[in-house]
């Protein structure tokens, strides 16, 4: 591991030289490439240098223990345990930083939320979850754009809503949110005060670049039709809604939120590319072990990952056994603590796999 870290530091120093090279500065694309690589390595190199500095101090203190200065020996005896502890922490951090980086981590996110079992109550909770993620995006100064939505009747909420979340590192933060989210509460329509259990599915897909997913126009069936739902008189006067079917995979995407057919088509194509990329990644990993799948962090969307219990004001994250009693605060977008805990958990799982 440390031979590799030394090589990384050497590369980092070479990049620093290149970034101050006048010939490189005048070539924008080359400069940006080196700057990105330099930024990607900074955290690892700084941690490695801190590790080496701490290790040097520990060796120096251990050397002083062999000397004759009794007063100095007492001082270093107190210092050595802390240095050893710091060294262990830094070594664990280095192991995590050396893990293969998910190539999708810096991408934007296609967030798909769908009401599952529970009828109107599931639709209402789909709306609650969308607001939660929109608020979290707002805290991070990310942009949220609704790509497609299907309202869930007169009570509010959504049967389905798809949104693009644009922001640096959005996928790395949200990728573990995929799965079944279960809600337990008394519905507004429940006269007897009985608690109902409903479910909503969340899918988090990395946004795909056009060059990554080669879509043959001849393999698409594009239908246009009148938009439905809310929107006033103009909604049904033009064929603005778009349905795109990718014939080889039978993936269907619809979009009717915009009044412009061209805008709806562009949004639908963006969603289609993300879904096809997700299918490609899943196919690449289908022959890999379950342990490797968890390392990559694709997530099983059929798995019940979290329960939101309103009578108790409780949120339980089942994958890591974490329970919080601040449901209202959580649904207001304050979900960073759970995201951090999930990231730490999956990094630890990845470390176990890298050791075996």
Protein backbone atom coordinates (compact mmCIF):
# COMPACT_ATOMS: atom_id res chain seq x y z
CA UNK A 1 0.00 0.00 0.00
CA UNK A 2 2.74 2.46 0.93
CA UNK A 3 4.70 1.87 -2.29
CA UNK A 4 1.54 2.80 -4.16
CA UNK A 5 1.06 5.89 -2.00
CA UNK A 6 4.62 7.01 -2.74
CA UNK A 7 3.91 6.66 -6.47
CA UNK A 8 0.72 8.72 -6.06
CA UNK A 9 2.67 11.47 -4.26
CA UNK A 10 5.26 11.49 -7.07
CA UNK A 11 2.48 11.85 -9.64
CA UNK A 12 0.89 14.67 -7.58
CA UNK A 13 4.19 16.59 -7.51
CA UNK A 14 4.60 16.10 -11.27
CA UNK A 15 1.09 17.51 -11.81
CA UNK A 16 1.97 20.55 -9.68
CA UNK A 17 4.95 21.20 -11.95
CA UNK A 18 2.82 20.80 -15.08
CA UNK A 19 0.15 23.20 -13.78
CA UNK A 20 2.78 25.94 -13.45
CA UNK A 21 4.27 25.16 -16.88
CA UNK A 22 3.53 28.06 -19.31
CA UNK A 23 3.17 25.61 -22.23
CA UNK A 24 0.44 23.68 -20.36
CA UNK A 25 -1.36 26.82 -19.15
CA UNK A 26 -1.95 27.94 -22.76
CA UNK A 27 -3.59 24.58 -23.65
CA UNK A 28 -6.95 24.82 -21.90
CA UNK A 29 -8.09 21.18 -22.32
CA UNK A 30 -4.74 19.77 -21.15
CA UNK A 31 -4.62 22.20 -18.22
CA UNK A 32 -8.17 21.30 -17.13
CA UNK A 33 -7.36 17.57 -17.35
CA UNK A 34 -4.28 17.99 -15.13
CA UNK A 35 -6.17 20.27 -12.73
CA UNK A 36 -8.94 17.66 -12.28
CA UNK A 37 -6.43 14.88 -11.65
CA UNK A 38 -4.53 17.10 -9.20
CA UNK A 39 -7.75 17.90 -7.31
CA UNK A 40 -8.74 14.20 -7.22
CA UNK A 41 -5.39 13.25 -5.65
CA UNK A 42 -5.15 16.12 -3.15
CA UNK A 43 -7.07 14.48 -0.30
CA UNK A 44 -5.11 11.23 -0.59
CA UNK A 45 -1.71 12.93 -0.77
CA UNK A 46 -2.43 15.29 2.13
CA UNK A 47 -3.56 12.35 4.29
CA UNK A 48 -0.46 10.35 3.30
CA UNK A 49 1.80 13.28 4.20
CA UNK A 50 0.04 13.64 7.56
CA UNK A 51 0.53 9.89 8.12
CA UNK A 52 4.27 10.12 7.33
CA UNK A 53 4.65 13.15 9.62
CA UNK A 54 2.89 11.34 12.48
CA UNK A 55 4.93 8.17 11.90
CA UNK A 56 8.14 10.23 11.99
CA UNK A 57 7.14 11.79 15.33
CA UNK A 58 6.33 8.34 16.75
CA UNK A 59 9.73 6.95 15.71
CA UNK A 60 11.44 10.00 17.19
CA UNK A 61 9.60 9.55 20.50
CA UNK A 62 10.41 5.83 20.59
CA UNK A 63 14.06 6.74 20.07
CA UNK A 64 13.94 9.17 23.00
CA UNK A 65 12.72 6.32 25.24
CA UNK A 66 16.11 4.70 24.77
CA UNK A 67 17.92 7.81 26.00
CA UNK A 68 18.97 8.83 29.51
CA UNK A 69 16.75 11.87 30.05
CA UNK A 70 14.12 10.59 32.52
CA UNK A 71 12.01 13.74 32.38
CA UNK A 72 11.84 13.57 28.58
CA UNK A 73 10.97 9.88 28.75
CA UNK A 74 7.91 10.66 30.91
CA UNK A 75 6.73 13.25 28.37
CA UNK A 76 7.03 10.94 25.36
CA UNK A 77 5.41 8.05 27.26
CA UNK A 78 2.29 10.18 27.51
CA UNK A 79 2.50 11.25 23.84
CA UNK A 80 3.13 7.85 22.24
CA UNK A 81 -0.36 6.29 22.79
CA UNK A 82 -2.04 9.30 21.15
CA UNK A 83 0.37 9.18 18.20
CA UNK A 84 -0.34 5.46 17.73
CA UNK A 85 -4.07 6.13 17.80
CA UNK A 86 -3.72 8.95 15.26
CA UNK A 87 -1.61 6.71 13.05
CA UNK A 88 -4.27 3.96 13.07
CA UNK A 89 -7.00 6.46 12.18
CA UNK A 90 -4.93 7.87 9.31
CA UNK A 91 -4.14 4.38 8.02
CA UNK A 92 -7.85 3.49 7.94
CA UNK A 93 -8.56 6.75 6.11
CA UNK A 94 -5.85 5.97 3.55
CA UNK A 95 -7.35 2.53 2.89
CA UNK A 96 -10.74 4.14 2.16
CA UNK A 97 -9.19 6.81 -0.07
CA UNK A 98 -7.36 4.09 -2.04
CA UNK A 99 -10.59 2.23 -2.83
CA UNK A 100 -11.55 2.36 -6.52
CA UNK A 101 -13.67 5.45 -7.04
CA UNK A 102 -17.17 4.98 -8.41
CA UNK A 103 -16.88 6.65 -11.85
CA UNK A 104 -20.42 7.99 -11.47
CA UNK A 105 -19.85 9.78 -8.14
CA UNK A 106 -19.49 13.29 -9.60
CA UNK A 107 -22.50 12.98 -11.90
CA UNK A 108 -25.90 14.58 -11.75
CA UNK A 109 -28.81 12.37 -10.66
CA UNK A 110 -32.08 11.22 -12.20
CA UNK A 111 -34.33 10.72 -9.17
CA UNK A 112 -37.41 8.55 -9.79
CA UNK A 113 -40.04 8.28 -7.06
CA UNK A 114 -43.08 6.01 -7.53
CA UNK A 115 -46.04 5.29 -5.28
CA UNK A 116 -46.27 1.57 -4.44
CA UNK A 117 -48.75 -0.24 -2.24
CA UNK A 118 -51.11 1.96 -0.27
CA UNK A 119 -53.20 3.87 -2.81
CA UNK A 120 -53.68 7.59 -2.14
CA UNK A 121 -51.55 7.41 1.00
CA UNK A 122 -48.58 6.08 -1.03
CA UNK A 123 -49.05 8.93 -3.50
CA UNK A 124 -49.05 11.49 -0.70
CA UNK A 125 -45.86 10.03 0.74
CA UNK A 126 -44.22 10.06 -2.71
CA UNK A 127 -44.85 13.81 -2.60
CA UNK A 128 -43.34 14.01 0.90
CA UNK A 129 -40.19 12.20 -0.24
CA UNK A 130 -39.81 14.41 -3.29
CA UNK A 131 -40.01 17.49 -1.07
CA UNK A 132 -37.42 15.92 1.28
CA UNK A 133 -34.91 15.39 -1.53
CA UNK A 134 -35.67 18.82 -3.05
CA UNK A 135 -34.95 20.44 0.34
CA UNK A 136 -31.72 18.43 0.70
CA UNK A 137 -30.70 19.59 -2.80
CA UNK A 138 -31.48 23.17 -1.79
CA UNK A 139 -29.20 22.87 1.27
CA UNK A 140 -26.41 21.74 -1.07
CA UNK A 141 -27.17 24.48 -3.63
CA UNK A 142 -28.03 21.93 -6.27
CA UNK A 143 -30.55 22.60 -9.03
CA UNK A 144 -33.74 20.48 -9.23
CA UNK A 145 -35.68 20.20 -12.49
CA UNK A 146 -38.84 18.09 -12.74
CA UNK A 147 -38.58 15.96 -15.89
CA UNK A 148 -41.91 14.19 -15.64
CA UNK A 149 -44.73 13.89 -13.10
CA UNK A 150 -48.00 12.05 -12.75
CA UNK A 151 -50.24 13.49 -9.99
CA UNK A 152 -52.00 11.04 -7.65
CA UNK A 153 -55.56 12.31 -7.83
CA UNK A 154 -57.32 14.98 -5.83
CA UNK A 155 -55.53 14.49 -2.49
CA UNK A 156 -52.12 15.57 -3.79
CA UNK A 157 -48.85 13.74 -4.12
CA UNK A 158 -47.65 11.73 -7.10
CA UNK A 159 -48.12 8.34 -8.69
CA UNK A 160 -44.69 9.03 -10.19
CA UNK A 161 -42.27 11.94 -10.33
CA UNK A 162 -38.89 12.06 -12.08
CA UNK A 163 -36.46 14.91 -11.45
CA UNK A 164 -32.96 15.84 -12.54
CA UNK A 165 -30.74 16.97 -9.66
CA UNK A 166 -27.71 18.88 -10.91
CA UNK A 167 -24.76 19.44 -8.58
CA UNK A 168 -21.21 18.28 -7.95
CA UNK A 169 -21.19 14.94 -6.16
CA UNK A 170 -24.98 14.54 -6.26
CA UNK A 171 -24.78 10.86 -7.19
CA UNK A 172 -22.14 10.08 -4.55
CA UNK A 173 -24.45 11.45 -1.84
CA UNK A 174 -27.77 10.04 -3.07
CA UNK A 175 -26.85 6.68 -4.59
CA UNK A 176 -27.71 4.70 -1.46
CA UNK A 177 -31.27 6.07 -1.39
CA UNK A 178 -32.48 3.53 -3.97
CA UNK A 179 -34.96 1.05 -2.56
CA UNK A 180 -38.37 0.72 -0.91
CA UNK A 181 -39.27 3.45 1.60
CA UNK A 182 -42.07 2.38 3.96
CA UNK A 183 -44.39 4.81 5.75
CA UNK A 184 -46.57 4.04 8.77
CA UNK A 185 -49.17 6.68 9.66
CA UNK A 186 -52.88 7.36 10.08
CA UNK A 187 -54.24 8.51 6.69
CA UNK A 188 -56.37 11.64 6.51
CA UNK A 189 -59.29 9.51 5.29
CA UNK A 190 -59.06 7.00 8.17
CA UNK A 191 -62.00 7.65 10.51
CA UNK A 192 -61.02 4.97 13.05
CA UNK A 193 -57.52 6.31 13.61
CA UNK A 194 -55.86 3.08 12.44
CA UNK A 195 -52.24 3.14 11.28
CA UNK A 196 -51.75 2.15 7.65
CA UNK A 197 -48.52 0.96 6.05
CA UNK A 198 -47.71 2.15 2.53
CA UNK A 199 -44.64 1.93 0.33
CA UNK A 200 -42.84 4.17 -2.16
CA UNK A 201 -39.96 3.11 -4.41
CA UNK A 202 -37.00 5.39 -5.04
CA UNK A 203 -34.50 4.90 -7.88
CA UNK A 204 -31.35 7.02 -8.14
CA UNK A 205 -29.70 6.88 -11.58
CA UNK A 206 -26.54 8.69 -12.70
CA UNK A 207 -27.24 11.08 -15.57
CA UNK A 208 -25.87 9.66 -18.83
CA UNK A 209 -23.89 11.62 -21.39
CA UNK A 210 -25.06 11.33 -24.98
CA UNK A 211 -21.77 9.75 -26.08
CA UNK A 212 -22.02 6.95 -23.51
CA UNK A 213 -25.31 5.47 -24.64
CA UNK A 214 -25.56 5.01 -28.39
CA UNK A 215 -29.26 5.22 -29.23
CA UNK A 216 -30.17 4.38 -32.81
CA UNK A 217 -33.08 6.67 -33.85
CA UNK A 218 -34.44 3.76 -35.91
CA UNK A 219 -34.90 1.79 -32.68
CA UNK A 220 -37.21 4.41 -31.17
CA UNK A 221 -40.97 4.71 -31.47
CA UNK A 222 -42.08 8.25 -30.65
CA UNK A 223 -45.76 8.93 -30.02
CA UNK A 224 -47.28 12.34 -29.36
CA UNK A 225 -50.63 12.93 -27.69
CA UNK A 226 -52.68 15.47 -25.74
CA UNK A 227 -51.39 16.19 -22.23
CA UNK A 228 -53.65 15.19 -19.36
CA UNK A 229 -54.14 16.37 -15.80
CA UNK A 230 -53.80 19.87 -14.40
CA UNK A 231 -52.82 22.87 -16.47
CA UNK A 232 -55.94 24.71 -17.56
CA UNK A 233 -57.50 25.00 -21.00
CA UNK A 234 -54.24 24.98 -22.97
CA UNK A 235 -53.31 21.53 -21.77
CA UNK A 236 -55.40 19.53 -24.24
CA UNK A 237 -55.25 21.82 -27.27
CA UNK A 238 -51.94 20.54 -28.73
CA UNK A 239 -50.15 17.22 -29.06
CA UNK A 240 -47.35 18.28 -26.72
CA UNK A 241 -46.99 15.12 -24.61
CA UNK A 242 -44.33 12.65 -25.77
CA UNK A 243 -43.99 8.90 -25.27
CA UNK A 244 -40.70 7.29 -26.36
CA UNK A 245 -40.37 3.50 -26.60
CA UNK A 246 -36.90 1.99 -26.97
CA UNK A 247 -37.80 -1.07 -29.04
CA UNK A 248 -34.80 -3.36 -28.23
CA UNK A 249 -35.35 -3.07 -24.45
CA UNK A 250 -39.07 -2.11 -24.34
CA UNK A 251 -38.17 0.79 -22.02
CA UNK A 252 -40.94 3.43 -22.18
CA UNK A 253 -40.53 7.05 -21.09
CA UNK A 254 -43.27 9.66 -21.15
CA UNK A 255 -43.10 13.40 -20.55
CA UNK A 256 -45.94 15.91 -20.62
CA UNK A 257 -44.92 18.60 -18.14
CA UNK A 258 -43.85 21.16 -20.77
CA UNK A 259 -46.20 22.84 -23.26
CA UNK A 260 -43.53 22.41 -25.95
CA UNK A 261 -43.31 19.03 -27.67
CA UNK A 262 -39.59 19.61 -28.33
CA UNK A 263 -38.89 20.27 -24.64
CA UNK A 264 -40.85 17.17 -23.61
CA UNK A 265 -38.94 15.07 -26.14
CA UNK A 266 -35.58 16.40 -24.90
CA UNK A 267 -36.48 15.62 -21.29
CA UNK A 268 -37.77 12.15 -22.19
CA UNK A 269 -34.53 11.38 -24.07
CA UNK A 270 -32.48 12.41 -21.02
CA UNK A 271 -34.47 10.03 -18.81
CA UNK A 272 -34.20 7.26 -21.42
CA UNK A 273 -30.40 7.62 -21.62
CA UNK A 274 -30.11 7.37 -17.82
CA UNK A 275 -32.27 4.24 -17.69
CA UNK A 276 -30.33 2.56 -20.51
CA UNK A 277 -27.02 3.41 -18.82
CA UNK A 278 -28.36 1.91 -15.59
CA UNK A 279 -29.31 -1.27 -17.47
CA UNK A 280 -25.84 -1.43 -19.06
CA UNK A 281 -24.14 -1.12 -15.66
CA UNK A 282 -26.45 -3.78 -14.17
CA UNK A 283 -25.61 -6.14 -17.04
CA UNK A 284 -21.88 -5.58 -16.51
CA UNK A 285 -22.24 -6.64 -12.88
CA UNK A 286 -24.71 -9.51 -13.20
CA UNK A 287 -21.92 -12.11 -13.19
CA UNK A 288 -20.19 -10.54 -10.17
CA UNK A 289 -20.75 -11.71 -6.61
CA UNK A 290 -23.27 -10.10 -4.27
CA UNK A 291 -20.41 -8.78 -2.18
CA UNK A 292 -18.96 -6.98 -5.18
CA UNK A 293 -22.38 -5.54 -6.01
CA UNK A 294 -22.59 -4.00 -2.55
CA UNK A 295 -19.08 -2.61 -3.00
CA UNK A 296 -20.12 -0.89 -6.21
CA UNK A 297 -23.20 0.34 -4.36
CA UNK A 298 -25.83 -0.24 -7.02
CA UNK A 299 -28.43 -1.09 -4.37
CA UNK A 300 -31.35 -3.48 -4.62
CA UNK A 301 -34.49 -1.48 -5.33
CA UNK A 302 -36.76 -4.29 -4.18
CA UNK A 303 -35.25 -4.10 -0.68
CA UNK A 304 -37.07 -2.28 2.12
CA UNK A 305 -34.40 0.14 3.21
CA UNK A 306 -36.14 2.62 5.51
CA UNK A 307 -39.27 3.04 7.62
CA UNK A 308 -40.88 6.38 8.47
CA UNK A 309 -43.17 5.92 11.50
CA UNK A 310 -45.29 9.02 12.14
CA UNK A 311 -46.97 8.03 15.46
CA UNK A 312 -43.53 7.54 17.02
CA UNK A 313 -41.81 10.34 15.07
CA UNK A 314 -39.25 7.69 14.09
CA UNK A 315 -37.01 7.03 11.09
CA UNK A 316 -35.31 3.62 10.94
CA UNK A 317 -32.58 2.88 8.40
CA UNK A 318 -32.73 -0.93 8.24
CA UNK A 319 -29.44 -1.57 6.40
CA UNK A 320 -27.33 -0.19 9.24
CA UNK A 321 -29.75 -0.47 12.18
CA UNK A 322 -29.86 3.30 12.72
CA UNK A 323 -32.96 4.86 14.35
CA UNK A 324 -33.67 8.55 14.81
CA UNK A 325 -36.60 10.26 16.51
CA UNK A 326 -36.69 13.49 14.49
CA UNK A 327 -38.99 12.50 11.64
CA UNK A 328 -40.28 16.01 10.93
CA UNK A 329 -36.75 17.39 10.76
CA UNK A 330 -35.66 14.47 8.57
CA UNK A 331 -38.49 14.99 6.07
CA UNK A 332 -37.51 18.65 5.91
CA UNK A 333 -34.31 17.54 4.16
CA UNK A 334 -31.95 17.14 7.12
CA UNK A 335 -30.76 13.71 6.02
CA UNK A 336 -26.97 14.25 5.92
CA UNK A 337 -26.27 12.24 9.10
CA UNK A 338 -27.90 9.13 7.62
CA UNK A 339 -26.19 9.64 4.24
CA UNK A 340 -22.80 9.88 6.02
CA UNK A 341 -23.54 6.74 8.05
CA UNK A 342 -24.53 4.81 4.92
CA UNK A 343 -21.40 5.97 3.07
CA UNK A 344 -19.20 4.85 5.98
CA UNK A 345 -21.01 1.48 6.11
CA UNK A 346 -20.61 0.73 2.40
CA UNK A 347 -16.98 1.89 2.43
CA UNK A 348 -16.31 -0.54 5.29
CA UNK A 349 -17.97 -3.33 3.29
CA UNK A 350 -15.82 -2.45 0.29
CA UNK A 351 -12.71 -2.56 2.48
CA UNK A 352 -13.60 -6.06 3.67
CA UNK A 353 -13.91 -7.21 0.06
CA UNK A 354 -10.62 -5.57 -0.95
CA UNK A 355 -8.79 -7.43 1.84
CA UNK A 356 -10.15 -10.90 0.89
